[in-house]
Amino acid sequence: MMKYQILNSPAVPNVPWQDKPADFPSAIPIWRYKENPIINRNPIPGVARIFNSAVMPYEGKFIGVFRAEQTDGIPFVYLGRSDDGIHWNFDPKPIPFVNEKGESFMPRYAYDPRLVKVEDTYYIIWCQDFYGASIGVAKTTDFKTFTRTENPFIPFNRNAVLFPRKINGNFVMLSRPSDSGHTPFGDIFLSESPDFVYWGKHRHVMSRGSEWWESLKIGGGAAPIETDEGWLLFYHGVTGTCNGYVYSIGGAILDIDEPSRVKYRCNTFLITPEEWYEERGFVPNVCFPCATIHDPETGRIALYYGTADSYVAMAFTTLDEIIDYIKAHSVVNDTDTELGIR
């Protein structure tokens, strides 16, 4: 019997899964897929690398939005489909975004997409040029027509992640305000909207951590998972070294009704670059979470993460194990637990 429960999420009996190795050496209850990476370099003609991508169940199979670095160096969002969540087929061209009139409306570039379903609509959220780096959004109900919405934020902003249901009647989105550089600002905020046009009620959620692995900046990762313990959030934390940045994956649990309040925050990383495909690539030493597929019946969670700006990898955990680990290693401070308004 499961100790905790995933709420308001459909069963996914075919969730991608691989059992924990019998000789698993780590105390951290998250283990990598033995056949990683699941997406290699040069996956389709004209695309050099796919990474930092988001997937979800769809019509008994799986669908995803993928950061595809084209061979001219420009990133766009491509659509992919899979029978098993592991082996993927990609459309040959970027997603054809349109405006509300149905006219072509493509971003100049688009990267690090997330894919989240709220009620009957699927939302794609990415980073793009809006006279500086900011957030772009499109919506679809059939994965055939992709209509862009109003940009939620002015520059500079990155790492937007939508909650999978409205909270107190409003859409809620995480983001990380930054500046025109590579991100001197390092904290996660949330914003609300009644109509997906006007965003406000901004709240501070989490500061970059005092722990070394997340001391430079943090940012949202996979869409939060609603549980009876709170919103389970896999996020990324960054540190600086004499040889550049290192991106690791962390975990936290946010209050179910006031998600700007952090209930638990793990002081250790969950995954840090250790395998060759995480340490070696176009941008070395990157583990960047973007999506989970989770099954409320079994508590199984498959975590998808980009590695070294070159590959897509997958890891596994269970709801009971990961919540217990986060709670057992939780360290929170005043900026975590307060409402986040001053």
Protein backbone atom coordinates (compact mmCIF):
# COMPACT_ATOMS: atom_id res chain seq x y z
CA MET A 1 0.00 0.00 0.00
CA MET A 2 1.30 3.43 -0.95
CA LYS A 3 2.10 5.90 1.83
CA TYR A 4 1.38 8.98 -0.31
CA GLN A 5 -1.01 9.59 -3.20
CA ILE A 6 -0.79 11.40 -6.53
CA LEU A 7 -3.92 13.52 -6.94
CA ASN A 8 -5.94 14.66 -9.97
CA SER A 9 -3.84 12.74 -12.45
CA PRO A 10 -5.05 9.95 -14.77
CA ALA A 11 -3.64 6.45 -14.48
CA VAL A 12 -0.73 5.67 -16.81
CA PRO A 13 -0.41 1.87 -16.71
CA ASN A 14 2.26 1.96 -19.43
CA VAL A 15 4.46 4.50 -17.64
CA PRO A 16 8.06 3.92 -18.78
CA TRP A 17 9.80 1.95 -16.08
CA GLN A 18 12.91 0.07 -15.08
CA ASP A 19 13.27 -1.47 -11.63
CA LYS A 20 15.92 -0.21 -9.25
CA PRO A 21 19.09 -2.29 -9.61
CA ALA A 22 19.58 -4.80 -6.81
CA ASP A 23 23.08 -3.44 -6.22
CA PHE A 24 22.06 0.24 -6.43
CA PRO A 25 24.76 2.01 -4.39
CA SER A 26 23.22 5.41 -3.67
CA ALA A 27 21.09 6.46 -0.71
CA ILE A 28 19.30 8.88 -3.04
CA PRO A 29 16.24 6.96 -4.32
CA ILE A 30 16.42 7.90 -8.00
CA TRP A 31 18.12 5.71 -10.58
CA ARG A 32 19.07 6.24 -14.19
CA TYR A 33 17.76 4.28 -17.16
CA LYS A 34 20.48 1.76 -18.03
CA GLU A 35 20.17 2.47 -21.75
CA ASN A 36 20.57 6.26 -21.45
CA PRO A 37 20.60 8.48 -23.39
CA ILE A 38 17.24 7.81 -25.01
CA ILE A 39 17.81 10.49 -27.70
CA ASN A 40 21.25 10.81 -29.27
CA ARG A 41 22.89 13.45 -31.45
CA ASN A 42 21.77 14.11 -35.02
CA PRO A 43 18.33 12.56 -34.44
CA ILE A 44 16.77 13.81 -37.70
CA PRO A 45 18.07 15.62 -40.80
CA GLY A 46 18.83 19.28 -40.09
CA VAL A 47 18.89 18.84 -36.30
CA ALA A 48 22.20 18.43 -34.49
CA ARG A 49 20.97 17.86 -30.94
CA ILE A 50 17.75 17.39 -28.98
CA PHE A 51 17.71 18.04 -25.22
CA ASN A 52 15.76 19.87 -22.47
CA SER A 53 12.41 18.55 -23.66
CA ALA A 54 9.00 17.73 -22.18
CA VAL A 55 6.70 14.77 -22.71
CA MET A 56 3.34 13.50 -21.45
CA PRO A 57 0.80 10.69 -21.98
CA TYR A 58 -1.55 11.13 -24.92
CA GLU A 59 -4.23 8.78 -26.28
CA GLY A 60 -2.67 5.71 -24.68
CA LYS A 61 0.79 6.57 -26.01
CA PHE A 62 3.12 9.55 -25.49
CA ILE A 63 3.72 12.93 -27.09
CA GLY A 64 6.33 15.59 -26.48
CA VAL A 65 7.81 18.96 -27.35
CA PHE A 66 11.54 18.96 -27.93
CA ARG A 67 14.29 21.56 -27.93
CA ALA A 68 15.95 20.90 -31.27
CA GLU A 69 19.16 22.72 -32.10
CA GLN A 70 19.21 22.97 -35.86
CA THR A 71 22.44 22.64 -37.81
CA ASP A 72 22.50 26.42 -38.23
CA GLY A 73 22.60 26.73 -34.43
CA ILE A 74 19.09 28.14 -34.01
CA PRO A 75 16.82 26.28 -31.53
CA PHE A 76 13.16 25.59 -32.29
CA VAL A 77 10.47 23.40 -30.77
CA TYR A 78 9.71 20.15 -32.57
CA LEU A 79 6.89 17.67 -31.94
CA GLY A 80 7.63 14.02 -31.20
CA ARG A 81 5.56 10.87 -30.64
CA SER A 82 6.30 7.56 -28.98
CA ASP A 83 4.58 4.26 -28.29
CA ASP A 84 6.60 3.55 -25.15
CA GLY A 85 7.97 6.92 -23.96
CA ILE A 86 11.51 5.81 -24.77
CA HIS A 87 11.81 5.52 -28.55
CA TRP A 88 10.73 8.70 -30.32
CA ASN A 89 9.75 9.77 -33.83
CA PHE A 90 9.93 13.47 -34.69
CA ASP A 91 8.16 15.68 -37.15
CA PRO A 92 10.66 16.87 -39.79
CA LYS A 93 9.94 20.58 -39.27
CA PRO A 94 9.42 22.85 -36.22
CA ILE A 95 5.94 23.18 -34.76
CA PRO A 96 4.02 25.65 -37.00
CA PHE A 97 2.78 28.21 -34.48
CA VAL A 98 -0.02 30.57 -35.55
CA ASN A 99 -1.70 33.65 -34.07
CA GLU A 100 -5.35 33.96 -33.07
CA LYS A 101 -6.27 34.65 -36.72
CA GLY A 102 -4.65 31.41 -37.86
CA GLU A 103 -1.74 33.23 -39.52
CA SER A 104 1.81 31.92 -39.22
CA PHE A 105 3.48 33.42 -36.14
CA MET A 106 6.83 31.80 -35.52
CA PRO A 107 9.22 32.89 -32.76
CA ARG A 108 12.72 33.95 -33.77
CA TYR A 109 13.98 31.09 -31.65
CA ALA A 110 12.47 28.84 -28.98
CA TYR A 111 14.11 26.62 -26.40
CA ASP A 112 13.60 24.60 -23.20
CA PRO A 113 9.89 23.86 -23.77
CA ARG A 114 7.49 22.46 -21.19
CA LEU A 115 4.19 20.74 -21.96
CA VAL A 116 1.34 20.90 -19.43
CA LYS A 117 -2.34 20.02 -19.67
CA VAL A 118 -4.80 22.21 -17.77
CA GLU A 119 -8.40 21.08 -18.05
CA ASP A 120 -8.97 20.29 -21.75
CA THR A 121 -6.09 22.33 -23.18
CA TYR A 122 -2.41 21.54 -23.66
CA TYR A 123 -0.01 24.45 -23.14
CA ILE A 124 3.51 24.65 -24.54
CA ILE A 125 5.75 27.07 -22.65
CA TRP A 126 9.23 28.00 -23.84
CA CYS A 127 11.91 30.70 -23.73
CA GLN A 128 12.08 33.03 -26.73
CA ASP A 129 13.07 36.48 -27.92
CA PHE A 130 10.63 39.19 -26.83
CA TYR A 131 13.06 42.09 -27.29
CA GLY A 132 15.20 40.11 -24.86
CA ALA A 133 14.82 36.64 -23.41
CA SER A 134 11.34 36.00 -22.09
CA ILE A 135 8.51 33.46 -22.12
CA GLY A 136 6.39 32.31 -25.05
CA VAL A 137 3.23 30.21 -24.79
CA ALA A 138 1.00 28.36 -27.25
CA LYS A 139 -2.07 26.20 -26.74
CA THR A 140 -3.58 23.24 -28.55
CA THR A 141 -6.36 20.74 -28.06
CA ASP A 142 -5.43 18.33 -30.86
CA PHE A 143 -1.67 18.72 -31.51
CA LYS A 144 -2.53 19.88 -35.02
CA THR A 145 -3.15 23.61 -34.51
CA PHE A 146 -0.84 25.49 -32.13
CA THR A 147 -2.08 28.99 -31.31
CA ARG A 148 0.22 31.39 -29.52
CA THR A 149 -1.16 33.38 -26.60
CA GLU A 150 -0.09 36.73 -25.24
CA ASN A 151 3.41 36.69 -23.75
CA PRO A 152 2.96 36.42 -19.97
CA PHE A 153 6.03 38.42 -18.92
CA ILE A 154 8.28 41.22 -20.13
CA PRO A 155 12.03 40.55 -20.49
CA PHE A 156 14.02 39.20 -18.89
CA ASN A 157 12.61 35.87 -17.77
CA ARG A 158 13.29 32.17 -18.20
CA ASN A 159 12.26 28.71 -17.02
CA ALA A 160 8.49 29.11 -16.96
CA VAL A 161 6.54 26.08 -15.73
CA LEU A 162 2.75 25.92 -15.54
CA PHE A 163 0.91 24.12 -12.73
CA PRO A 164 -1.35 21.34 -14.10
CA ARG A 165 -4.53 22.78 -12.60
CA LYS A 166 -5.91 26.13 -11.57
CA ILE A 167 -5.39 27.12 -7.95
CA ASN A 168 -8.10 29.24 -6.34
CA GLY A 169 -9.57 29.74 -9.81
CA ASN A 170 -6.39 31.06 -11.44
CA PHE A 171 -3.71 29.69 -13.71
CA VAL A 172 -0.38 29.60 -11.85
CA MET A 173 3.06 29.70 -13.45
CA LEU A 174 6.57 29.47 -12.04
CA SER A 175 9.35 31.51 -13.62
CA ARG A 176 12.79 32.90 -12.92
CA PRO A 177 13.23 36.62 -13.56
CA SER A 178 16.72 37.43 -14.79
CA ASP A 179 18.60 40.15 -16.63
CA SER A 180 20.20 40.43 -20.04
CA GLY A 181 23.17 38.31 -19.01
CA HIS A 182 23.17 34.58 -18.41
CA THR A 183 21.21 35.07 -15.16
CA PRO A 184 22.53 37.01 -12.20
CA PHE A 185 19.09 36.71 -10.59
CA GLY A 186 18.63 33.22 -9.29
CA ASP A 187 15.26 32.78 -7.54
CA ILE A 188 11.96 31.12 -8.49
CA PHE A 189 8.77 33.22 -8.44
CA LEU A 190 5.16 32.43 -9.28
CA SER A 191 2.47 34.48 -10.99
CA GLU A 192 -1.28 34.05 -11.40
CA SER A 193 -3.74 34.79 -14.19
CA PRO A 194 -7.53 34.53 -14.39
CA ASP A 195 -7.56 34.44 -18.20
CA PHE A 196 -4.03 33.58 -19.45
CA VAL A 197 -3.70 37.19 -20.65
CA TYR A 198 -3.09 39.30 -17.56
CA TRP A 199 -0.56 38.00 -15.04
CA GLY A 200 -0.07 39.30 -11.52
CA LYS A 201 -0.15 38.39 -7.82
CA HIS A 202 3.57 37.70 -8.13
CA ARG A 203 5.07 35.78 -5.22
CA HIS A 204 8.57 34.68 -4.32
CA VAL A 205 8.83 30.90 -3.98
CA MET A 206 12.43 29.81 -3.45
CA SER A 207 15.84 31.48 -3.24
CA ARG A 208 18.99 30.00 -4.66
CA GLY A 209 20.31 27.71 -1.97
CA SER A 210 23.03 27.89 0.59
CA GLU A 211 24.16 24.43 -0.51
CA TRP A 212 27.04 24.40 -3.00
CA TRP A 213 25.16 22.57 -5.78
CA GLU A 214 22.45 25.29 -6.05
CA SER A 215 24.34 28.34 -4.83
CA LEU A 216 24.34 30.33 -8.10
CA LYS A 217 20.74 30.03 -9.33
CA ILE A 218 17.74 27.73 -9.42
CA GLY A 219 14.87 27.31 -11.85
CA GLY A 220 11.70 25.35 -12.39
CA GLY A 221 11.93 21.95 -14.01
CA ALA A 222 9.13 19.49 -14.54
CA ALA A 223 5.51 20.55 -14.04
CA PRO A 224 4.66 20.12 -10.34
CA ILE A 225 3.00 16.83 -9.39
CA GLU A 226 -0.03 17.22 -7.14
CA THR A 227 0.14 14.89 -4.12
CA ASP A 228 -1.59 14.66 -0.77
CA GLU A 229 1.63 15.99 0.79
CA GLY A 230 1.79 19.05 -1.50
CA TRP A 231 3.16 19.92 -4.94
CA LEU A 232 6.20 17.76 -5.70
CA LEU A 233 8.67 19.85 -7.69
CA PHE A 234 11.78 18.65 -9.50
CA TYR A 235 13.88 21.75 -10.23
CA HIS A 236 17.42 22.54 -11.34
CA GLY A 237 20.16 24.09 -9.26
CA VAL A 238 23.37 25.60 -10.60
CA THR A 239 26.78 26.22 -9.14
CA GLY A 240 29.88 27.81 -10.58
CA THR A 241 33.28 26.13 -10.73
CA CYS A 242 36.69 27.09 -12.11
CA ASN A 243 35.65 25.16 -15.23
CA GLY A 244 32.13 26.56 -15.70
CA TYR A 245 28.60 25.92 -14.49
CA VAL A 246 27.29 22.61 -13.14
CA TYR A 247 23.54 21.90 -13.37
CA SER A 248 22.02 19.41 -10.91
CA ILE A 249 18.46 18.28 -10.14
CA GLY A 250 16.84 19.04 -6.79
CA GLY A 251 13.49 18.35 -5.14
CA ALA A 252 11.01 20.32 -3.05
CA ILE A 253 7.40 20.12 -1.89
CA LEU A 254 5.21 23.23 -2.07
CA ASP A 255 2.04 23.98 -0.13
CA ILE A 256 -1.01 22.69 -2.00
CA ASP A 257 -3.09 25.88 -1.63
CA GLU A 258 -0.31 28.48 -1.30
CA PRO A 259 2.48 27.12 -3.52
CA SER A 260 4.66 30.15 -2.83
CA ARG A 261 5.29 28.50 0.54
CA VAL A 262 7.86 25.71 0.57
CA LYS A 263 7.06 22.89 3.00
CA TYR A 264 10.13 20.77 2.36
CA ARG A 265 13.29 21.37 0.37
CA CYS A 266 15.96 18.73 -0.06
CA ASN A 267 19.42 19.99 0.85
CA THR A 268 21.13 17.36 -1.31
CA PHE A 269 20.89 17.07 -5.06
CA LEU A 270 18.86 14.20 -6.50
CA ILE A 271 20.95 13.88 -9.66
CA THR A 272 24.24 15.58 -10.49
CA PRO A 273 26.44 15.04 -13.57
CA GLU A 274 28.22 11.71 -13.17
CA GLU A 275 27.64 9.70 -16.33
CA TRP A 276 29.46 10.37 -19.61
CA TYR A 277 26.35 11.76 -21.33
CA GLU A 278 25.87 14.24 -18.45
CA GLU A 279 29.49 15.31 -18.14
CA ARG A 280 30.50 15.40 -21.80
CA GLY A 281 28.72 17.27 -24.56
CA PHE A 282 28.08 20.62 -26.22
CA VAL A 283 27.72 22.19 -22.75
CA PRO A 284 29.33 19.84 -20.22
CA ASN A 285 28.04 18.99 -16.75
CA VAL A 286 24.30 19.58 -17.21
CA CYS A 287 21.34 17.66 -15.80
CA PHE A 288 18.22 19.69 -16.59
CA PRO A 289 14.76 18.30 -15.64
CA CYS A 290 11.80 19.15 -17.88
CA ALA A 291 9.04 16.54 -17.42
CA THR A 292 7.72 13.55 -15.55
CA ILE A 293 5.34 10.78 -16.47
CA HIS A 294 3.73 9.48 -13.29
CA ASP A 295 1.18 6.81 -12.48
CA PRO A 296 -1.09 7.35 -9.43
CA GLU A 297 -1.94 3.64 -9.24
CA THR A 298 1.64 2.48 -8.64
CA GLY A 299 3.41 5.69 -7.60
CA ARG A 300 5.97 5.18 -10.35
CA ILE A 301 7.63 8.34 -11.69
CA ALA A 302 9.72 8.57 -14.85
CA LEU A 303 11.79 11.78 -14.94
CA TYR A 304 13.00 13.16 -18.27
CA TYR A 305 16.03 15.43 -18.25
CA GLY A 306 18.37 17.05 -20.75
CA THR A 307 22.08 16.28 -20.46
CA ALA A 308 25.11 18.30 -21.53
CA ASP A 309 22.93 20.25 -24.02
CA SER A 310 23.30 17.20 -26.26
CA TYR A 311 21.01 14.35 -25.19
CA VAL A 312 17.77 13.37 -23.47
CA ALA A 313 18.01 10.95 -20.55
CA MET A 314 15.56 9.34 -18.16
CA ALA A 315 15.58 8.34 -14.50
CA PHE A 316 13.11 6.66 -12.19
CA THR A 317 11.81 6.91 -8.65
CA THR A 318 8.66 6.18 -6.67
CA LEU A 319 6.41 8.68 -4.96
CA ASP A 320 6.90 7.19 -1.50
CA GLU A 321 10.67 7.00 -1.76
CA ILE A 322 11.24 10.47 -3.15
CA ILE A 323 8.87 12.24 -0.75
CA ASP A 324 10.37 10.45 2.25
CA TYR A 325 13.87 11.35 1.07
CA ILE A 326 13.02 15.02 0.53
CA LYS A 327 11.36 15.25 3.95
CA ALA A 328 14.22 13.47 5.70
CA HIS A 329 16.79 15.83 4.16
CA SER A 330 14.74 19.02 4.24
CA VAL A 331 16.22 22.37 5.19
CA VAL A 332 14.03 25.45 4.72
CA ASN A 333 14.54 29.08 5.66
CA ASP A 334 12.35 32.15 6.08
CA THR A 335 12.35 33.07 2.38
CA ASP A 336 11.12 29.55 1.60
CA THR A 337 8.29 29.35 4.10
CA GLU A 338 6.92 32.89 3.98
CA LEU A 339 4.08 33.84 1.63
CA GLY A 340 6.54 35.54 -0.71
CA ILE A 341 5.13 39.07 -0.79
CA ARG A 342 6.80 42.17 0.62
